[in-house]
Amino acid sequence: MIKCHKKDIYAHFENCEQSLSELSKIFTHSLPYLAYFKTTPPLVANKRKMSENINK
């Protein structure tokens, strides 16, 4: 799962149109994850998040 921050994206893509298309790509890819987290109890999502942070 890609974690992204808006400011990183904008810093990376100076061309405005390019960053917009890149943002829309990222949001399209993250939709399944959002749907998954909506159906996942917060506790499970938090545990998963914590283990992801540890694995960094």
C-alpha atoms as a PDB file:
ATOM      1  CA  MET A   1       0.000   0.000   0.000  1.00  0.00           C
ATOM      2  CA  ILE A   2       1.385   3.333  -1.075  1.00  0.00           C
ATOM      3  CA  LYS A   3       1.397   6.051   1.555  1.00  0.00           C
ATOM      4  CA  CYS A   4       1.522   9.489   0.061  1.00  0.00           C
ATOM      5  CA  HIS A   5       1.409  13.035   1.275  1.00  0.00           C
ATOM      6  CA  LYS A   6       0.128  15.812  -0.949  1.00  0.00           C
ATOM      7  CA  LYS A   7       3.136  18.048  -0.397  1.00  0.00           C
ATOM      8  CA  ASP A   8       5.502  15.236  -1.418  1.00  0.00           C
ATOM      9  CA  ILE A   9       3.564  14.713  -4.616  1.00  0.00           C
ATOM     10  CA  TYR A  10       3.535  18.409  -5.460  1.00  0.00           C
ATOM     11  CA  ALA A  11       7.227  18.725  -4.665  1.00  0.00           C
ATOM     12  CA  HIS A  12       7.912  15.751  -6.912  1.00  0.00           C
ATOM     13  CA  PHE A  13       5.816  16.937  -9.859  1.00  0.00           C
ATOM     14  CA  GLU A  14       6.457  20.557 -10.746  1.00  0.00           C
ATOM     15  CA  ASN A  15       4.177  20.330 -13.761  1.00  0.00           C
ATOM     16  CA  CYS A  16       0.658  20.962 -12.497  1.00  0.00           C
ATOM     17  CA  GLU A  17      -1.158  18.792 -15.050  1.00  0.00           C
ATOM     18  CA  GLN A  18       1.221  15.943 -14.361  1.00  0.00           C
ATOM     19  CA  SER A  19       0.602  16.112 -10.620  1.00  0.00           C
ATOM     20  CA  LEU A  20      -3.159  16.152 -11.164  1.00  0.00           C
ATOM     21  CA  SER A  21      -3.056  13.013 -13.296  1.00  0.00           C
ATOM     22  CA  GLU A  22      -0.689  11.403 -10.797  1.00  0.00           C
ATOM     23  CA  LEU A  23      -2.988  12.296  -7.899  1.00  0.00           C
ATOM     24  CA  SER A  24      -6.000  10.849  -9.691  1.00  0.00           C
ATOM     25  CA  LYS A  25      -4.029   7.649 -10.370  1.00  0.00           C
ATOM     26  CA  ILE A  26      -3.121   7.358  -6.694  1.00  0.00           C
ATOM     27  CA  PHE A  27      -6.691   7.995  -5.559  1.00  0.00           C
ATOM     28  CA  THR A  28      -7.981   5.401  -8.022  1.00  0.00           C
ATOM     29  CA  HIS A  29      -5.535   2.847  -6.623  1.00  0.00           C
ATOM     30  CA  SER A  30      -6.400   3.716  -3.029  1.00  0.00           C
ATOM     31  CA  LEU A  31     -10.176   3.306  -3.486  1.00  0.00           C
ATOM     32  CA  PRO A  32     -10.103  -0.477  -2.882  1.00  0.00           C
ATOM     33  CA  TYR A  33      -8.070   0.134   0.282  1.00  0.00           C
ATOM     34  CA  LEU A  34     -10.546   2.755   1.496  1.00  0.00           C
ATOM     35  CA  ALA A  35     -13.400   0.351   0.888  1.00  0.00           C
ATOM     36  CA  TYR A  36     -11.466  -2.339   2.769  1.00  0.00           C
ATOM     37  CA  PHE A  37     -10.793  -0.102   5.760  1.00  0.00           C
ATOM     38  CA  LYS A  38     -14.441   0.931   5.910  1.00  0.00           C
ATOM     39  CA  THR A  39     -15.408  -2.713   6.324  1.00  0.00           C
ATOM     40  CA  THR A  40     -12.561  -3.458   8.751  1.00  0.00           C
ATOM     41  CA  PRO A  41     -13.070  -2.853  12.462  1.00  0.00           C
ATOM     42  CA  PRO A  42     -10.882   0.088  13.597  1.00  0.00           C
ATOM     43  CA  LEU A  43      -8.953  -2.109  16.012  1.00  0.00           C
ATOM     44  CA  VAL A  44      -7.829  -4.447  13.243  1.00  0.00           C
ATOM     45  CA  ALA A  45      -6.934  -1.491  11.014  1.00  0.00           C
ATOM     46  CA  ASN A  46      -4.908   0.057  13.852  1.00  0.00           C
ATOM     47  CA  LYS A  47      -3.034  -3.176  14.523  1.00  0.00           C
ATOM     48  CA  ARG A  48      -2.268  -3.468  10.820  1.00  0.00           C
ATOM     49  CA  LYS A  49      -1.075   0.138  10.729  1.00  0.00           C
ATOM     50  CA  MET A  50       1.159  -0.436  13.737  1.00  0.00           C
ATOM     51  CA  SER A  51       2.734  -3.532  12.210  1.00  0.00           C
ATOM     52  CA  GLU A  52       3.310  -1.614   8.944  1.00  0.00           C
ATOM     53  CA  ASN A  53       5.084   1.131  10.885  1.00  0.00           C
ATOM     54  CA  ILE A  54       7.273  -1.411  12.659  1.00  0.00           C
ATOM     55  CA  ASN A  55       8.173  -3.068   9.348  1.00  0.00           C
ATOM     56  CA  LYS A  56       9.367   0.210   7.808  1.00  0.00           C
END
